C-alpha atoms as a PDB file:
ATOM      1  CA  MET A   1     236.630 -36.851 222.237  1.00  0.00           C
ATOM      2  CA  ARG A   2     235.905 -33.460 220.643  1.00  0.00           C
ATOM      3  CA  ASP A   3     233.609 -32.525 223.537  1.00  0.00           C
ATOM      4  CA  LYS A   4     236.463 -33.021 226.005  1.00  0.00           C
ATOM      5  CA  ARG A   5     238.711 -30.813 223.863  1.00  0.00           C
ATOM      6  CA  GLU A   6     236.115 -28.062 223.561  1.00  0.00           C
ATOM      7  CA  ARG A   7     235.377 -28.199 227.262  1.00  0.00           C
ATOM      8  CA  PHE A   8     239.112 -27.985 228.055  1.00  0.00           C
ATOM      9  CA  LEU A   9     239.591 -24.975 225.774  1.00  0.00           C
ATOM     10  CA  THR A  10     236.598 -23.124 227.183  1.00  0.00           C
ATOM     11  CA  LEU A  11     237.503 -23.774 230.804  1.00  0.00           C
ATOM     12  CA  ALA A  12     241.218 -23.119 230.280  1.00  0.00           C
ATOM     13  CA  GLU A  13     240.596 -19.739 228.645  1.00  0.00           C
ATOM     14  CA  ASN A  14     238.128 -18.669 231.318  1.00  0.00           C
ATOM     15  CA  ARG A  15     240.220 -19.847 234.246  1.00  0.00           C
ATOM     16  CA  VAL A  16     243.529 -18.495 232.957  1.00  0.00           C
ATOM     17  CA  ASN A  17     242.001 -15.104 232.148  1.00  0.00           C
ATOM     18  CA  ARG A  18     240.451 -14.978 235.618  1.00  0.00           C
ATOM     19  CA  LEU A  19     243.773 -15.978 237.173  1.00  0.00           C
ATOM     20  CA  LEU A  20     245.681 -13.308 235.236  1.00  0.00           C
ATOM     21  CA  LYS A  21     243.255 -10.660 236.480  1.00  0.00           C
ATOM     22  CA  GLU A  22     243.677 -11.861 240.071  1.00  0.00           C
ATOM     23  CA  ILE A  23     247.471 -11.788 239.721  1.00  0.00           C
ATOM     24  CA  GLN A  24     247.204  -8.193 238.496  1.00  0.00           C
ATOM     25  CA  LEU A  25     245.145  -7.377 241.576  1.00  0.00           C
ATOM     26  CA  VAL A  26     247.793  -8.940 243.829  1.00  0.00           C
ATOM     27  CA  GLY A  27     250.364  -6.786 242.032  1.00  0.00           C
ATOM     28  CA  ASN A  28     248.300  -3.711 242.876  1.00  0.00           C
ATOM     29  CA  LEU A  29     249.034  -4.433 246.539  1.00  0.00           C
ATOM     30  CA  GLY A  30     252.607  -3.329 245.819  1.00  0.00           C
ATOM     31  CA  ASN A  31     251.519   0.321 245.791  1.00  0.00           C
ATOM     32  CA  ARG A  32     253.167   1.678 248.947  1.00  0.00           C
ATOM     33  CA  ALA A  33     251.028   4.827 248.750  1.00  0.00           C
ATOM     34  CA  ASN A  34     247.990   2.685 249.584  1.00  0.00           C
ATOM     35  CA  TYR A  35     249.344  -0.272 251.552  1.00  0.00           C
ATOM     36  CA  GLN A  36     251.891  -1.070 254.226  1.00  0.00           C
ATOM     37  CA  TYR A  37     253.587  -4.468 254.244  1.00  0.00           C
ATOM     38  CA  THR A  38     256.812  -6.194 255.180  1.00  0.00           C
ATOM     39  CA  ALA A  39     259.299  -8.028 252.999  1.00  0.00           C
ATOM     40  CA  ASP A  40     258.415 -11.229 254.856  1.00  0.00           C
ATOM     41  CA  GLU A  41     254.735 -10.834 253.983  1.00  0.00           C
ATOM     42  CA  VAL A  42     255.618 -10.328 250.314  1.00  0.00           C
ATOM     43  CA  ARG A  43     257.859 -13.406 250.420  1.00  0.00           C
ATOM     44  CA  LYS A  44     255.041 -15.500 251.912  1.00  0.00           C
ATOM     45  CA  ILE A  45     252.621 -14.350 249.203  1.00  0.00           C
ATOM     46  CA  PHE A  46     254.961 -15.335 246.393  1.00  0.00           C
ATOM     47  CA  VAL A  47     256.022 -18.606 248.001  1.00  0.00           C
ATOM     48  CA  ALA A  48     252.346 -19.587 248.199  1.00  0.00           C
ATOM     49  CA  ILE A  49     251.709 -18.578 244.583  1.00  0.00           C
ATOM     50  CA  GLU A  50     254.819 -20.323 243.259  1.00  0.00           C
ATOM     51  CA  THR A  51     254.073 -23.485 245.238  1.00  0.00           C
ATOM     52  CA  GLU A  52     250.577 -23.693 243.794  1.00  0.00           C
ATOM     53  CA  ILE A  53     251.865 -23.080 240.262  1.00  0.00           C
ATOM     54  CA  LYS A  54     254.413 -25.899 240.653  1.00  0.00           C
ATOM     55  CA  THR A  55     251.651 -28.219 241.895  1.00  0.00           C
ATOM     56  CA  ALA A  56     249.407 -27.353 238.939  1.00  0.00           C
ATOM     57  CA  ARG A  57     252.311 -27.774 236.508  1.00  0.00           C
ATOM     58  CA  ARG A  58     253.015 -31.292 237.848  1.00  0.00           C
ATOM     59  CA  ARG A  59     249.440 -32.269 237.080  1.00  0.00           C
ATOM     60  CA  PHE A  60     250.129 -31.550 233.403  1.00  0.00           C
ATOM     61  CA  ASP A  61     253.274 -33.681 233.401  1.00  0.00           C
ATOM     62  CA  GLU A  62     252.743 -36.321 230.738  1.00  0.00           C
ATOM     63  CA  ARG A  63     255.098 -38.842 232.272  1.00  0.00           C
ATOM     64  CA  THR A  64     253.240 -41.694 233.887  1.00  0.00           C
ATOM     65  CA  ASP A  65     256.174 -43.258 235.640  1.00  0.00           C
ATOM     66  CA  SER A  66     258.443 -41.560 238.111  1.00  0.00           C
ATOM     67  CA  ALA A  67     262.171 -41.571 237.370  1.00  0.00           C
ATOM     68  CA  ASP A  68     262.934 -42.256 241.010  1.00  0.00           C
ATOM     69  CA  SER A  69     260.282 -44.938 241.528  1.00  0.00           C
ATOM     70  CA  GLY A  70     262.816 -47.754 241.395  1.00  0.00           C
ATOM     71  CA  PHE A  71     260.419 -50.338 239.924  1.00  0.00           C
ATOM     72  CA  LYS A  72     259.440 -50.868 236.316  1.00  0.00           C
ATOM     73  CA  LEU A  73     257.723 -53.708 234.477  1.00  0.00           C
END
């Protein structure tokens, strides 16, 4: 069991740090002196990011049964 914990910690730290760096790089695109973009393009970027974050968050949900499933033993 300890190996799974250690592996989780190592991978989580590496992946989250890499993700934070990538998010910073996306933020750099907001520099209007270097880039031209529309409000719709910005909206699409953040909708995609937020959707993926919500999907990842659901995978960590500890509940095993859905509240709206309608069937329970």
